[in-house]
Amino acid sequence: MSEQELLARRFQEQREHLRTVAYRMLGSATEADDAIQEAWFRLVKTDAEEIENLGGWLTTVVSRICLDMLRSRASRREDPLDQTGPGEAAYDNDPEHEAVLIDSVGRALLVVLDTLGPDERVAFVLHDMFAVPFDEIAPIVGRSTATTKKLASRARLRAHGESSTPGSELTRQREVVEAFLAAAREGDLAALLAVLAPDVVRTADPAALPAGMALVVRGAQAVAKETVVLQRRSRVATVALVDGAVGILVAPRGKLLLALRVTLAGNQIGAYEVIADPERLRSLDIAVVPESAEV
């Protein structure tokens, strides 16, 4: 086996790990693969015999490539996805190869990661998800170790959010919202009627609905039937904290298109608002539901 073939084999052994790192930083399977390819090009131009820890070296290189991509994206204010717009095609299921990556991270966390600055995202991902020490992350982001710790801390606070609601109440909210989302995914009209209050009210931004749908719908029967019609949206949805309470994010490929702000009436959903306006979405305080509220 030639040295090039041996190097390629060693690189392949690291590929899955590198893809996981790159995807969590970039939120795009295509861009993650591009970053890994660039890392390979850089590796073959390097004297590999001088690399003591190939896995660590490659993680560092991929992280720097991802950081450059994130900074470039931020400067252009571009989204890594080619969004298909508000039409129902935008809510098609995630491609299988990307769905696996999304599941490994969590759809809600991917949405939160997209709200972070490039340096915050890299510091948070490397430290909190891959346990890379801060003194190794600092040179990657070009900051001091102390500043890098602050970057990760700010990102952590954004990811986990703040809620004045007691954990037991968040658990109750999550149980109800999860029941609604499960029924929506199955298109189960009876289950939807069980979780919706009889006088439930659904309101929505105009951009959230297909043409011809009412901005306000009242009553469990009408809301449940509409939910079945829009079933495909629920397949790319997840629970999250929305302004401190448990709500729903609709995020195909981990990119936020809609947020549902939910109000409970006892153990049923009394009202919910579907937010699609980009300015309103950006103003929302979105975070991952804390572990204390897991069911």
Protein backbone atom coordinates (compact mmCIF):
# COMPACT_ATOMS: atom_id res chain seq x y z
CA MET A 1 0.00 0.00 0.00
CA SER A 2 1.40 3.39 -0.99
CA GLU A 3 1.73 6.27 1.48
CA GLN A 4 -1.11 8.09 -0.32
CA GLU A 5 -3.40 5.07 -0.01
CA LEU A 6 -2.51 4.67 3.68
CA LEU A 7 -3.22 8.34 4.29
CA ALA A 8 -6.56 8.04 2.48
CA ARG A 9 -7.51 5.07 4.66
CA ARG A 10 -6.63 6.97 7.83
CA PHE A 11 -8.65 9.93 6.59
CA GLN A 12 -11.66 7.70 5.88
CA GLU A 13 -11.49 6.43 9.46
CA GLN A 14 -12.04 10.01 10.61
CA ARG A 15 -14.64 10.99 8.02
CA GLU A 16 -17.80 10.22 10.01
CA HIS A 17 -16.54 12.13 13.04
CA LEU A 18 -15.51 15.06 10.88
CA ARG A 19 -18.87 15.09 9.11
CA THR A 20 -20.65 15.20 12.46
CA VAL A 21 -18.48 18.11 13.63
CA ALA A 22 -18.95 20.01 10.37
CA TYR A 23 -22.69 19.45 10.23
CA ARG A 24 -23.23 20.73 13.76
CA MET A 25 -21.24 23.83 12.91
CA LEU A 26 -22.81 24.49 9.51
CA GLY A 27 -26.27 22.92 9.68
CA SER A 28 -26.01 21.82 6.06
CA ALA A 29 -25.02 18.35 4.88
CA THR A 30 -23.78 19.70 1.54
CA GLU A 31 -21.60 22.36 3.15
CA ALA A 32 -20.32 19.83 5.69
CA ASP A 33 -19.18 17.54 2.86
CA ASP A 34 -17.51 20.53 1.16
CA ALA A 35 -15.61 21.31 4.37
CA ILE A 36 -14.41 17.71 4.68
CA GLN A 37 -13.26 17.69 1.05
CA GLU A 38 -11.29 20.88 1.65
CA ALA A 39 -9.70 19.29 4.72
CA TRP A 40 -8.55 16.38 2.57
CA PHE A 41 -6.99 18.75 0.03
CA ARG A 42 -5.09 20.45 2.85
CA LEU A 43 -3.99 17.13 4.33
CA VAL A 44 -2.42 15.88 1.10
CA LYS A 45 -0.42 19.12 0.88
CA THR A 46 0.95 18.56 4.39
CA ASP A 47 3.72 16.27 5.61
CA ALA A 48 1.47 13.78 7.39
CA GLU A 49 4.42 12.16 9.16
CA GLU A 50 4.82 15.31 11.22
CA ILE A 51 1.20 15.10 12.48
CA GLU A 52 1.20 13.38 15.87
CA ASN A 53 -2.57 13.21 16.29
CA LEU A 54 -4.31 13.01 12.92
CA GLY A 55 -7.82 13.07 14.40
CA GLY A 56 -7.12 16.19 16.42
CA TRP A 57 -5.36 17.86 13.49
CA LEU A 58 -8.25 17.16 11.14
CA THR A 59 -10.83 18.35 13.70
CA THR A 60 -8.92 21.62 14.01
CA VAL A 61 -8.64 22.06 10.25
CA VAL A 62 -12.32 21.28 9.65
CA SER A 63 -13.28 23.68 12.45
CA ARG A 64 -11.27 26.48 10.86
CA ILE A 65 -12.78 25.79 7.46
CA CYS A 66 -16.28 25.82 8.96
CA LEU A 67 -15.55 29.05 10.82
CA ASP A 68 -14.46 30.70 7.56
CA MET A 69 -17.66 29.47 5.89
CA LEU A 70 -19.82 30.75 8.74
CA ARG A 71 -18.12 34.14 8.70
CA SER A 72 -18.53 34.38 4.93
CA ARG A 73 -22.19 33.40 5.24
CA ALA A 74 -22.75 36.02 7.94
CA SER A 75 -21.09 38.76 5.92
CA ARG A 76 -23.38 37.98 2.97
CA ARG A 77 -26.38 37.45 5.26
CA GLU A 78 -27.10 34.23 3.40
CA ASP A 79 -28.94 31.14 4.52
CA PRO A 80 -27.17 27.86 3.69
CA LEU A 81 -30.43 26.43 2.36
CA ASP A 82 -32.05 27.27 -0.90
CA GLN A 83 -35.47 27.85 0.65
CA THR A 84 -38.40 26.93 -1.56
CA GLY A 85 -40.61 29.64 -0.10
CA PRO A 86 -43.87 29.40 1.82
CA GLY A 87 -45.48 26.87 -0.52
CA GLU A 88 -46.21 23.41 0.85
CA ALA A 89 -43.20 21.96 -0.99
CA ALA A 90 -41.05 23.76 1.59
CA TYR A 91 -42.28 21.29 4.23
CA ASP A 92 -41.31 18.06 2.50
CA ASN A 93 -39.54 15.54 4.70
CA ASP A 94 -35.80 15.90 5.14
CA PRO A 95 -33.68 13.81 2.76
CA GLU A 96 -32.72 10.56 4.47
CA HIS A 97 -29.00 11.33 4.74
CA GLU A 98 -29.74 14.71 6.31
CA ALA A 99 -32.52 13.41 8.57
CA VAL A 100 -30.01 11.16 10.33
CA LEU A 101 -27.76 14.15 11.01
CA ILE A 102 -30.69 16.24 12.21
CA ASP A 103 -31.75 13.52 14.63
CA SER A 104 -28.21 13.34 16.02
CA VAL A 105 -28.25 17.03 16.89
CA GLY A 106 -31.92 17.81 17.49
CA ARG A 107 -34.02 19.99 15.21
CA ALA A 108 -34.61 22.62 17.92
CA LEU A 109 -30.91 22.92 18.70
CA LEU A 110 -30.10 23.37 15.01
CA VAL A 111 -32.53 26.29 14.91
CA VAL A 112 -30.87 27.83 17.98
CA LEU A 113 -27.38 27.28 16.54
CA ASP A 114 -28.39 29.33 13.51
CA THR A 115 -29.00 32.32 15.79
CA LEU A 116 -25.41 32.30 17.10
CA GLY A 117 -22.49 34.25 15.74
CA PRO A 118 -19.79 32.21 13.95
CA ASP A 119 -17.29 32.30 16.82
CA GLU A 120 -19.97 31.48 19.40
CA ARG A 121 -21.20 28.55 17.36
CA VAL A 122 -17.74 27.06 16.85
CA ALA A 123 -16.79 27.48 20.52
CA PHE A 124 -20.07 25.97 21.73
CA VAL A 125 -20.05 23.03 19.34
CA LEU A 126 -16.43 22.08 19.97
CA HIS A 127 -16.59 22.42 23.75
CA ASP A 128 -20.12 21.38 24.69
CA MET A 129 -20.65 18.71 22.04
CA PHE A 130 -17.15 17.32 21.54
CA ALA A 131 -15.40 18.22 24.82
CA VAL A 132 -12.53 20.04 23.12
CA PRO A 133 -10.66 22.09 25.76
CA PHE A 134 -10.96 25.86 25.56
CA ASP A 135 -7.21 26.33 25.19
CA GLU A 136 -7.40 24.29 21.97
CA ILE A 137 -10.46 26.14 20.69
CA ALA A 138 -8.98 29.60 21.35
CA PRO A 139 -6.45 29.51 18.47
CA ILE A 140 -9.18 28.32 16.08
CA VAL A 141 -11.41 31.33 16.74
CA GLY A 142 -8.46 33.69 17.22
CA ARG A 143 -9.42 34.66 20.78
CA SER A 144 -7.92 34.27 24.24
CA THR A 145 -8.94 31.23 26.30
CA ALA A 146 -10.95 33.45 28.66
CA THR A 147 -12.82 35.09 25.79
CA THR A 148 -13.47 31.71 24.19
CA LYS A 149 -15.05 30.51 27.44
CA LYS A 150 -17.33 33.56 27.37
CA LEU A 151 -18.31 32.82 23.76
CA ALA A 152 -19.35 29.29 24.66
CA SER A 153 -21.13 30.50 27.80
CA ARG A 154 -23.21 33.00 25.83
CA ALA A 155 -24.08 30.34 23.28
CA ARG A 156 -25.03 27.91 26.04
CA LEU A 157 -27.36 30.47 27.57
CA ARG A 158 -29.01 31.02 24.18
CA ALA A 159 -29.38 27.29 23.62
CA HIS A 160 -30.98 26.53 26.97
CA GLY A 161 -32.81 29.82 27.38
CA GLU A 162 -34.46 31.19 30.46
CA SER A 163 -37.97 30.48 31.68
CA SER A 164 -39.67 31.57 34.87
CA THR A 165 -42.06 28.64 34.50
CA PRO A 166 -41.48 25.84 37.06
CA GLY A 167 -40.13 22.56 35.69
CA SER A 168 -43.32 20.69 36.57
CA GLU A 169 -45.37 23.16 34.54
CA LEU A 170 -42.98 22.91 31.57
CA THR A 171 -43.36 19.12 31.75
CA ARG A 172 -47.16 19.46 31.61
CA GLN A 173 -46.91 21.88 28.69
CA ARG A 174 -44.59 19.53 26.85
CA GLU A 175 -46.88 16.53 27.36
CA VAL A 176 -49.82 18.41 25.85
CA VAL A 177 -47.83 19.91 22.96
CA GLU A 178 -46.15 16.58 22.19
CA ALA A 179 -49.57 14.90 22.12
CA PHE A 180 -50.80 17.50 19.64
CA LEU A 181 -47.70 17.11 17.46
CA ALA A 182 -47.92 13.30 17.49
CA ALA A 183 -51.59 13.42 16.46
CA ALA A 184 -50.76 15.92 13.71
CA ARG A 185 -48.03 13.66 12.33
CA GLU A 186 -50.42 10.73 12.21
CA GLY A 187 -53.28 12.78 10.81
CA ASP A 188 -55.35 11.36 13.69
CA LEU A 189 -58.50 13.47 13.85
CA ALA A 190 -59.79 11.84 17.04
CA ALA A 191 -56.50 12.37 18.87
CA LEU A 192 -56.41 15.99 17.73
CA LEU A 193 -59.92 16.59 19.03
CA ALA A 194 -58.89 15.11 22.38
CA VAL A 195 -55.96 17.50 22.83
CA LEU A 196 -57.67 20.64 21.46
CA ALA A 197 -60.04 22.64 23.70
CA PRO A 198 -63.55 22.82 22.21
CA ASP A 199 -63.23 26.59 21.73
CA VAL A 200 -59.59 26.57 20.55
CA VAL A 201 -58.53 29.48 18.36
CA ARG A 202 -55.80 29.27 15.73
CA THR A 203 -54.38 32.53 14.40
CA ALA A 204 -51.62 32.92 11.80
CA ASP A 205 -49.49 35.34 9.86
CA PRO A 206 -50.61 35.53 6.21
CA ALA A 207 -47.27 34.06 5.08
CA ALA A 208 -47.88 30.96 7.20
CA LEU A 209 -50.83 29.71 5.19
CA PRO A 210 -51.57 28.53 1.66
CA ALA A 211 -53.72 30.92 -0.35
CA GLY A 212 -57.36 30.86 0.59
CA MET A 213 -56.97 29.74 4.21
CA ALA A 214 -58.45 31.91 6.94
CA LEU A 215 -56.14 33.85 9.25
CA VAL A 216 -58.32 32.90 12.21
CA VAL A 217 -59.96 29.51 12.74
CA ARG A 218 -62.18 28.75 15.74
CA GLY A 219 -63.37 25.49 17.24
CA ALA A 220 -61.74 22.10 17.69
CA GLN A 221 -63.38 20.50 14.65
CA ALA A 222 -62.22 23.20 12.24
CA VAL A 223 -58.70 23.42 13.69
CA ALA A 224 -58.28 19.63 13.73
CA LYS A 225 -59.40 19.27 10.11
CA GLU A 226 -57.01 22.01 9.01
CA THR A 227 -54.17 20.33 10.92
CA VAL A 228 -54.78 17.10 9.00
CA VAL A 229 -54.72 19.01 5.71
CA LEU A 230 -51.36 20.54 6.67
CA GLN A 231 -50.02 17.23 8.02
CA ARG A 232 -46.72 17.35 6.08
CA ARG A 233 -45.58 20.34 8.15
CA SER A 234 -45.67 18.31 11.36
CA ARG A 235 -43.15 15.83 9.96
CA VAL A 236 -40.43 18.47 10.11
CA ALA A 237 -41.57 19.96 13.42
CA THR A 238 -40.31 19.70 16.99
CA VAL A 239 -41.09 21.07 20.42
CA ALA A 240 -39.03 23.96 21.77
CA LEU A 241 -39.26 26.84 24.18
CA VAL A 242 -40.87 29.78 22.41
CA ASP A 243 -40.78 32.94 24.53
CA GLY A 244 -40.39 30.86 27.68
CA ALA A 245 -43.23 28.38 27.10
CA VAL A 246 -43.34 25.08 25.23
CA GLY A 247 -44.29 25.60 21.60
CA ILE A 248 -43.48 24.12 18.21
CA LEU A 249 -40.91 24.90 15.53
CA VAL A 250 -41.43 23.86 11.93
CA ALA A 251 -37.93 23.61 10.55
CA PRO A 252 -37.26 21.54 7.40
CA ARG A 253 -33.58 20.60 7.32
CA GLY A 254 -33.21 22.39 10.63
CA LYS A 255 -34.05 25.83 9.16
CA LEU A 256 -36.86 27.72 10.88
CA LEU A 257 -39.87 28.52 8.71
CA LEU A 258 -42.68 28.65 11.28
CA ALA A 259 -43.04 28.91 15.03
CA LEU A 260 -46.19 28.05 16.97
CA ARG A 261 -46.76 29.96 20.18
CA VAL A 262 -49.10 27.78 22.24
CA THR A 263 -51.47 28.66 25.09
CA LEU A 264 -52.94 25.87 27.22
CA ALA A 265 -56.42 25.64 28.70
CA GLY A 266 -56.03 23.05 31.44
CA ASN A 267 -54.59 19.96 29.79
CA GLN A 268 -55.67 20.98 26.30
CA ILE A 269 -54.52 23.54 23.78
CA GLY A 270 -56.70 26.62 24.10
CA ALA A 271 -55.03 28.71 21.40
CA TYR A 272 -51.99 28.86 19.20
CA GLU A 273 -50.47 31.40 16.87
CA VAL A 274 -48.50 30.45 13.75
CA ILE A 275 -45.68 32.92 13.16
CA ALA A 276 -44.02 33.10 9.75
CA ASP A 277 -43.05 36.74 9.29
CA PRO A 278 -39.20 36.83 9.25
CA GLU A 279 -38.99 39.87 11.51
CA ARG A 280 -41.33 38.29 14.06
CA LEU A 281 -39.42 35.00 13.92
CA ARG A 282 -36.15 36.81 14.62
CA SER A 283 -37.71 38.55 17.63
CA LEU A 284 -38.74 35.27 19.29
CA ASP A 285 -36.77 33.85 22.21
CA ILE A 286 -36.24 30.26 21.08
CA ALA A 287 -34.43 27.62 23.12
CA VAL A 288 -34.27 23.86 23.66
CA VAL A 289 -36.76 22.51 26.21
CA PRO A 290 -34.74 21.83 29.39
CA GLU A 291 -34.12 18.25 30.45
CA SER A 292 -36.29 18.73 33.55
CA ALA A 293 -39.24 19.03 31.18
CA GLU A 294 -38.47 15.83 29.29
CA VAL A 295 -41.26 13.26 29.26
